[in-house]
Protein backbone atom coordinates (compact mmCIF):
# COMPACT_ATOMS: atom_id res chain seq x y z
CA MET A 1 42.76 -8.61 -18.29
CA SER A 2 46.10 -8.98 -16.51
CA ILE A 3 49.45 -8.58 -18.23
CA ASP A 4 51.93 -11.43 -18.07
CA GLN A 5 54.82 -10.58 -15.77
CA LYS A 6 57.33 -11.22 -18.56
CA PHE A 7 56.36 -7.93 -20.25
CA ILE A 8 56.81 -5.93 -17.05
CA SER A 9 60.11 -7.65 -16.28
CA ALA A 10 61.40 -7.02 -19.79
CA ILE A 11 60.82 -3.27 -19.43
CA LYS A 12 62.40 -3.13 -15.98
CA GLU A 13 65.44 -5.04 -17.28
CA GLY A 14 66.00 -2.36 -19.93
CA ASN A 15 64.49 -4.18 -22.88
CA VAL A 16 61.91 -3.11 -25.46
CA VAL A 17 58.30 -4.31 -25.56
CA ALA A 18 55.69 -3.60 -28.23
CA PHE A 19 52.27 -2.83 -26.78
CA PRO A 20 48.88 -1.66 -28.08
CA THR A 21 47.37 1.78 -27.72
CA GLU A 22 44.13 3.05 -29.22
CA THR A 23 46.09 4.68 -32.06
CA VAL A 24 48.88 2.30 -33.15
CA TYR A 25 51.20 -0.19 -31.43
CA GLY A 26 54.10 1.42 -29.61
CA LEU A 27 57.68 0.27 -29.12
CA GLY A 28 57.97 0.78 -25.37
CA ALA A 29 61.04 1.36 -23.24
CA ASP A 30 61.72 2.86 -19.82
CA ALA A 31 61.74 6.64 -20.29
CA THR A 32 64.41 7.01 -17.57
CA ASN A 33 66.84 4.42 -18.98
CA PRO A 34 69.20 5.79 -21.66
CA GLU A 35 70.37 2.32 -22.70
CA ALA A 36 66.79 1.16 -23.22
CA ILE A 37 65.97 4.29 -25.21
CA ALA A 38 69.04 3.70 -27.38
CA LYS A 39 67.67 0.21 -28.18
CA VAL A 40 64.45 1.78 -29.45
CA PHE A 41 66.36 3.99 -31.89
CA GLU A 42 68.54 1.08 -32.99
CA ILE A 43 65.68 -1.40 -33.45
CA LYS A 44 63.54 1.07 -35.40
CA GLY A 45 66.38 2.58 -37.40
CA ARG A 46 65.07 5.93 -36.15
CA PRO A 47 67.10 9.16 -36.56
CA SER A 48 68.31 10.43 -33.20
CA ASP A 49 67.02 13.95 -33.88
CA ASN A 50 63.43 12.70 -34.01
CA PRO A 51 61.92 13.25 -30.52
CA LEU A 52 59.95 10.56 -28.71
CA ILE A 53 56.58 10.73 -26.95
CA VAL A 54 56.48 9.74 -23.28
CA HIS A 55 53.41 7.66 -22.42
CA ILE A 56 51.98 7.92 -18.90
CA SER A 57 49.23 6.18 -16.93
CA ASP A 58 48.55 8.80 -14.25
CA ARG A 59 47.96 12.53 -14.66
CA ASN A 60 50.33 13.26 -11.76
CA GLN A 61 53.21 11.86 -13.84
CA VAL A 62 52.99 14.97 -16.02
CA TYR A 63 54.40 17.07 -13.20
CA SER A 64 57.53 14.94 -12.89
CA LEU A 65 58.25 15.60 -16.57
CA ALA A 66 57.00 19.11 -17.33
CA LYS A 67 57.98 22.44 -15.77
CA GLU A 68 54.57 24.02 -16.07
CA VAL A 69 51.07 23.22 -17.31
CA SER A 70 48.86 26.10 -18.47
CA ASP A 71 45.21 26.40 -17.53
CA TYR A 72 44.02 25.70 -21.07
CA THR A 73 46.24 22.61 -21.17
CA LYS A 74 44.67 21.32 -17.96
CA MET A 75 41.24 21.80 -19.53
CA LEU A 76 42.28 19.79 -22.57
CA MET A 77 43.77 17.02 -20.41
CA ASP A 78 40.56 16.87 -18.39
CA HIS A 79 38.50 16.49 -21.54
CA PHE A 80 40.62 14.32 -23.85
CA TRP A 81 42.76 12.12 -21.56
CA PRO A 82 43.14 9.25 -21.71
CA GLY A 83 43.02 9.60 -25.48
CA PRO A 84 44.81 10.34 -28.76
CA LEU A 85 46.11 13.80 -27.85
CA THR A 86 49.80 14.44 -27.14
CA PHE A 87 50.99 17.64 -25.44
CA VAL A 88 54.38 19.26 -26.02
CA LEU A 89 55.43 21.04 -22.81
CA LYS A 90 58.57 22.67 -21.41
CA LYS A 91 60.56 19.82 -19.87
CA LYS A 92 62.17 19.45 -16.49
CA ASN A 93 65.94 18.89 -16.43
CA ALA A 94 65.45 15.28 -15.33
CA VAL A 95 63.98 14.35 -18.72
CA LEU A 96 66.71 12.74 -20.81
CA ASP A 97 68.00 14.50 -23.92
CA ALA A 98 67.70 11.16 -25.74
CA VAL A 99 63.92 11.40 -25.29
CA THR A 100 63.60 15.00 -26.50
CA ALA A 101 66.33 15.04 -29.19
CA GLY A 102 68.06 17.69 -27.09
CA LEU A 103 65.09 20.08 -27.14
CA ASN A 104 63.82 21.93 -24.09
CA THR A 105 60.37 20.41 -24.59
CA VAL A 106 58.88 16.97 -23.97
CA ALA A 107 55.88 15.31 -25.64
CA ILE A 108 53.50 13.49 -23.25
CA ARG A 109 50.41 11.37 -23.81
CA MET A 110 48.07 9.19 -21.75
CA PRO A 111 46.82 6.42 -24.09
CA ASP A 112 43.24 5.16 -23.97
CA HIS A 113 43.90 1.42 -23.85
CA GLU A 114 43.58 -0.76 -20.78
CA LEU A 115 46.66 -2.87 -21.56
CA ALA A 116 48.81 0.20 -22.19
CA LEU A 117 47.65 1.85 -18.98
CA GLU A 118 48.20 -1.31 -16.94
CA LEU A 119 51.69 -1.83 -18.35
CA ILE A 120 52.73 1.78 -17.71
CA SER A 121 51.24 1.73 -14.21
CA LYS A 122 53.56 -1.19 -13.37
CA THR A 123 56.70 0.07 -15.13
CA GLY A 124 56.54 3.86 -15.00
CA PRO A 125 56.46 6.22 -18.01
CA LEU A 126 57.50 4.70 -21.33
CA VAL A 127 58.82 6.19 -24.54
CA ALA A 128 56.82 4.52 -27.29
CA PRO A 129 57.24 5.46 -30.94
CA SER A 130 55.25 3.35 -33.38
CA ALA A 131 56.41 -0.27 -33.35
CA ASN A 132 57.59 -0.47 -36.94
CA LYS A 133 60.75 0.04 -38.94
CA SER A 134 61.17 3.78 -39.51
CA GLY A 135 59.47 5.01 -42.66
CA THR A 136 57.13 2.03 -43.07
CA PRO A 137 53.38 1.96 -42.29
CA SER A 138 52.66 2.08 -38.58
CA PRO A 139 51.38 -1.16 -36.98
CA THR A 140 47.73 -1.48 -36.02
CA LYS A 141 47.86 -5.22 -35.27
CA ALA A 142 50.29 -7.41 -33.34
CA ASN A 143 51.15 -9.35 -36.49
CA HIS A 144 52.30 -6.10 -38.15
CA VAL A 145 54.92 -5.75 -35.41
CA LYS A 146 55.95 -9.38 -35.80
CA ALA A 147 56.23 -8.94 -39.56
CA ASP A 148 58.72 -6.10 -39.04
CA PHE A 149 60.75 -7.49 -36.15
CA GLY A 150 60.11 -11.24 -35.96
CA SER A 151 60.97 -12.72 -32.57
CA SER A 152 63.45 -9.96 -31.70
CA VAL A 153 60.73 -7.86 -30.01
CA LEU A 154 58.32 -9.08 -27.34
CA VAL A 155 54.76 -8.18 -28.42
CA LEU A 156 51.81 -7.65 -26.09
CA ASP A 157 48.83 -8.56 -28.29
CA GLY A 158 45.80 -6.34 -27.79
CA GLY A 159 44.07 -7.01 -31.09
CA SER A 160 43.43 -4.32 -33.71
CA THR A 161 43.77 -0.70 -32.63
CA GLU A 162 40.63 1.41 -32.50
CA VAL A 163 41.77 4.73 -34.06
CA GLY A 164 44.44 3.47 -36.45
CA ILE A 165 46.49 6.66 -36.94
CA GLU A 166 48.88 8.41 -34.60
CA SER A 167 47.76 10.95 -32.00
CA THR A 168 47.26 14.64 -32.55
CA VAL A 169 50.32 16.48 -31.24
CA LEU A 170 49.68 19.88 -29.68
CA ASP A 171 52.39 22.38 -28.71
CA VAL A 172 51.13 24.06 -25.54
CA THR A 173 54.27 25.99 -24.63
CA GLY A 174 52.91 29.32 -25.87
CA LYS A 175 49.90 31.57 -25.45
CA TYR A 176 47.92 29.59 -28.01
CA PRO A 177 48.00 25.83 -28.73
CA VAL A 178 49.62 24.83 -32.03
CA ILE A 179 48.86 21.57 -33.84
CA LEU A 180 52.21 20.04 -34.84
CA ARG A 181 50.78 16.76 -36.16
CA PRO A 182 47.11 16.24 -37.04
CA GLY A 183 45.29 13.24 -35.59
CA SER A 184 41.74 12.13 -34.87
CA ILE A 185 41.17 15.08 -32.51
CA GLY A 186 40.93 18.16 -34.70
CA ASN A 187 41.23 21.93 -34.48
CA LYS A 188 37.50 22.47 -33.92
CA GLU A 189 37.30 19.95 -31.07
CA ILE A 190 40.33 21.46 -29.32
CA LYS A 191 39.05 25.01 -29.76
CA THR A 192 35.63 24.09 -28.37
CA VAL A 193 37.22 22.84 -25.14
CA CYS A 194 39.92 25.43 -24.47
CA LYS A 195 38.01 28.45 -25.84
CA THR A 196 41.05 29.93 -27.54
CA VAL A 197 42.65 30.25 -30.96
CA VAL A 198 44.23 27.02 -32.20
CA LEU A 199 47.06 27.38 -34.71
CA THR A 200 48.53 24.86 -37.16
CA ASP A 201 52.29 24.57 -37.59
CA GLN A 202 53.98 24.31 -40.96
CA ILE A 203 55.10 20.68 -41.26
CA GLY A 204 58.74 20.08 -42.10
CA SER A 205 60.63 22.05 -39.50
CA SER A 206 64.38 21.45 -39.46
CA THR A 207 64.16 21.12 -35.68
CA PRO A 208 60.92 19.19 -35.14
CA LYS A 209 59.21 19.22 -31.75
CA SER A 210 57.07 16.26 -32.75
CA PRO A 211 57.35 12.95 -34.61
CA GLY A 212 55.92 13.17 -38.12
CA GLN A 213 57.22 16.67 -38.88
CA LYS A 214 60.49 16.03 -40.66
CA TYR A 215 61.03 12.55 -42.08
CA SER A 216 59.26 10.42 -44.65
CA HIS A 217 56.69 8.22 -42.96
CA TYR A 218 53.97 5.68 -43.50
CA LYS A 219 55.16 4.44 -46.91
CA PRO A 220 54.48 0.91 -48.14
CA GLN A 221 56.68 -0.60 -50.82
CA ALA A 222 53.78 -0.17 -53.25
CA GLU A 223 53.44 3.26 -54.85
CA VAL A 224 50.67 5.32 -53.23
CA ARG A 225 48.73 7.63 -55.56
CA TRP A 226 45.53 9.62 -55.74
CA LEU A 227 43.09 8.39 -58.38
CA LYS A 228 42.93 10.67 -61.44
CA SER A 229 40.31 10.50 -64.16
CA GLU A 230 42.91 10.29 -66.93
CA ASP A 231 44.83 7.41 -65.31
CA ASP A 232 44.85 4.04 -67.06
CA PHE A 233 46.06 1.40 -64.62
CA ASP A 234 46.54 -2.30 -64.88
CA ASP A 235 43.80 -3.22 -62.41
CA ALA A 236 45.41 -6.52 -61.48
CA SER A 237 48.45 -4.78 -60.01
CA SER A 238 46.60 -2.01 -58.12
CA LEU A 239 44.65 -1.97 -54.86
CA PHE A 240 41.93 0.70 -54.90
CA LEU A 241 40.69 2.44 -51.75
CA MET A 242 37.36 4.05 -52.62
CA ILE A 243 35.60 6.49 -50.33
CA ASN A 244 32.34 7.26 -52.13
CA MET A 245 32.57 5.73 -55.60
CA GLU A 246 29.71 3.39 -56.48
CA SER A 247 30.25 -0.31 -55.78
CA ASP A 248 29.74 -1.21 -59.46
CA SER A 249 32.96 0.60 -60.41
CA VAL A 250 34.89 -0.86 -63.32
CA PHE A 251 38.00 -1.31 -61.14
CA LYS A 252 38.99 -4.62 -59.60
CA ASN A 253 40.59 -5.14 -56.17
CA ILE A 254 38.52 -2.43 -54.48
CA ILE A 255 38.04 -1.75 -50.79
CA HIS A 256 34.84 0.31 -50.37
CA PHE A 257 34.64 2.63 -47.36
CA GLU A 258 31.21 4.09 -48.19
CA GLY A 259 32.03 7.54 -46.79
CA ASN A 260 33.27 6.16 -43.46
CA PHE A 261 36.45 8.15 -42.82
CA ASN A 262 36.91 6.72 -39.33
CA ARG A 263 37.03 3.24 -40.85
CA LEU A 264 39.54 4.46 -43.46
CA ALA A 265 41.74 5.80 -40.65
CA ARG A 266 41.42 2.54 -38.73
CA GLU A 267 42.36 0.45 -41.78
CA LEU A 268 44.71 2.68 -43.79
CA TYR A 269 48.04 1.22 -42.61
CA ASP A 270 46.65 -2.30 -42.68
CA ARG A 271 45.65 -1.80 -46.33
CA PHE A 272 49.11 -0.45 -47.13
CA ARG A 273 50.58 -3.59 -45.62
CA GLN A 274 48.04 -5.74 -47.46
CA ALA A 275 49.19 -4.23 -50.74
CA ASP A 276 52.77 -5.24 -50.03
CA SER A 277 51.91 -8.74 -48.80
CA GLN A 278 49.82 -9.36 -51.94
CA ASP A 279 52.43 -7.85 -54.27
CA PHE A 280 50.35 -4.95 -55.56
CA LYS A 281 52.43 -2.33 -57.33
CA ARG A 282 50.17 0.58 -56.43
CA VAL A 283 47.63 1.73 -53.87
CA ILE A 284 45.19 4.07 -55.61
CA ILE A 285 43.05 6.26 -53.35
CA GLU A 286 39.91 8.12 -54.38
CA PRO A 287 40.49 11.82 -53.63
CA PHE A 288 38.65 13.60 -50.82
CA ASP A 289 39.03 16.88 -48.97
CA GLU A 290 38.06 18.68 -45.79
CA ARG A 291 34.60 19.63 -47.04
CA TYR A 292 33.33 16.40 -45.47
CA GLU A 293 33.96 18.00 -42.04
CA ASN A 294 35.21 14.91 -40.25
CA PRO A 295 37.99 15.81 -37.75
CA VAL A 296 40.08 12.83 -38.89
CA ILE A 297 40.27 14.05 -42.51
CA PRO A 298 43.25 16.45 -42.07
CA ALA A 299 45.16 13.59 -40.42
CA LEU A 300 44.28 11.20 -43.23
CA LEU A 301 45.37 13.71 -45.85
CA ASN A 302 48.62 14.25 -43.93
CA ARG A 303 49.40 10.52 -43.73
CA ILE A 304 48.48 9.82 -47.34
CA GLU A 305 50.54 12.75 -48.65
CA LYS A 306 53.49 11.51 -46.57
CA ALA A 307 53.04 8.05 -48.06
CA ILE A 308 52.90 9.51 -51.56
CA GLY A 309 56.08 11.40 -50.78
CA SER A 310 54.94 14.87 -51.79
């Protein structure tokens, strides 16, 4: 598949283009153009102290952005790239403060999507936060982007995204890697590859190194809640997301995931948006925990708790 020249031209002219990755759609702009980056913040309504991830198409591009890459980081790049793993590294001076929110680190990822890689290969590295209004559910389909921005943003349509939630973000500036934001690649998978301790950061830092650490995210207009046995809801105004509950449940408006947590991750934001488009007042989710041992579960719990607002 070849990308229409209009998308490449738009980036090179300093404009913003929404494009697909395997995680969610990104709002792409030239990572070396401060005016283009400013448009991203303005269009999204994104706080300027929320750092951006730079998306690359070639491993060599890392070395134009980062001062140093540790041996364990190289091992992880070899194994997981292209893919949904973002690395936070010490930045070179050439990286714009607008990208890093003034920090001395830069977040870098190589997405696993042929359209994303082709676009970046023809434009150079792109900043690309999720292509939605800040605080709302991230877009996993082109029509989600269009619903948020209308015709004001050019959208490269790559169909539905495969993973559905944002990448794992890993701080690799120290002796041990630290997960700043959980994603579909979990602690166990990272540890298996790099053969070292993997730590987890406390979310909510006042000076976040990664998107998803500080601000409210992923919230639909509908209230998001965990299902509780004592709850008595008006079924007609609630959309239920059930993980394991039997299909003959008394509730109406149920989406059954039958224990498939990867499918839940792929569809979560789409279901949030469905709830709003169909005027549901609540999204009620059957509780689950990490005992199911799927690496995506910590990320799902993180996103759902953010959407609940706790």
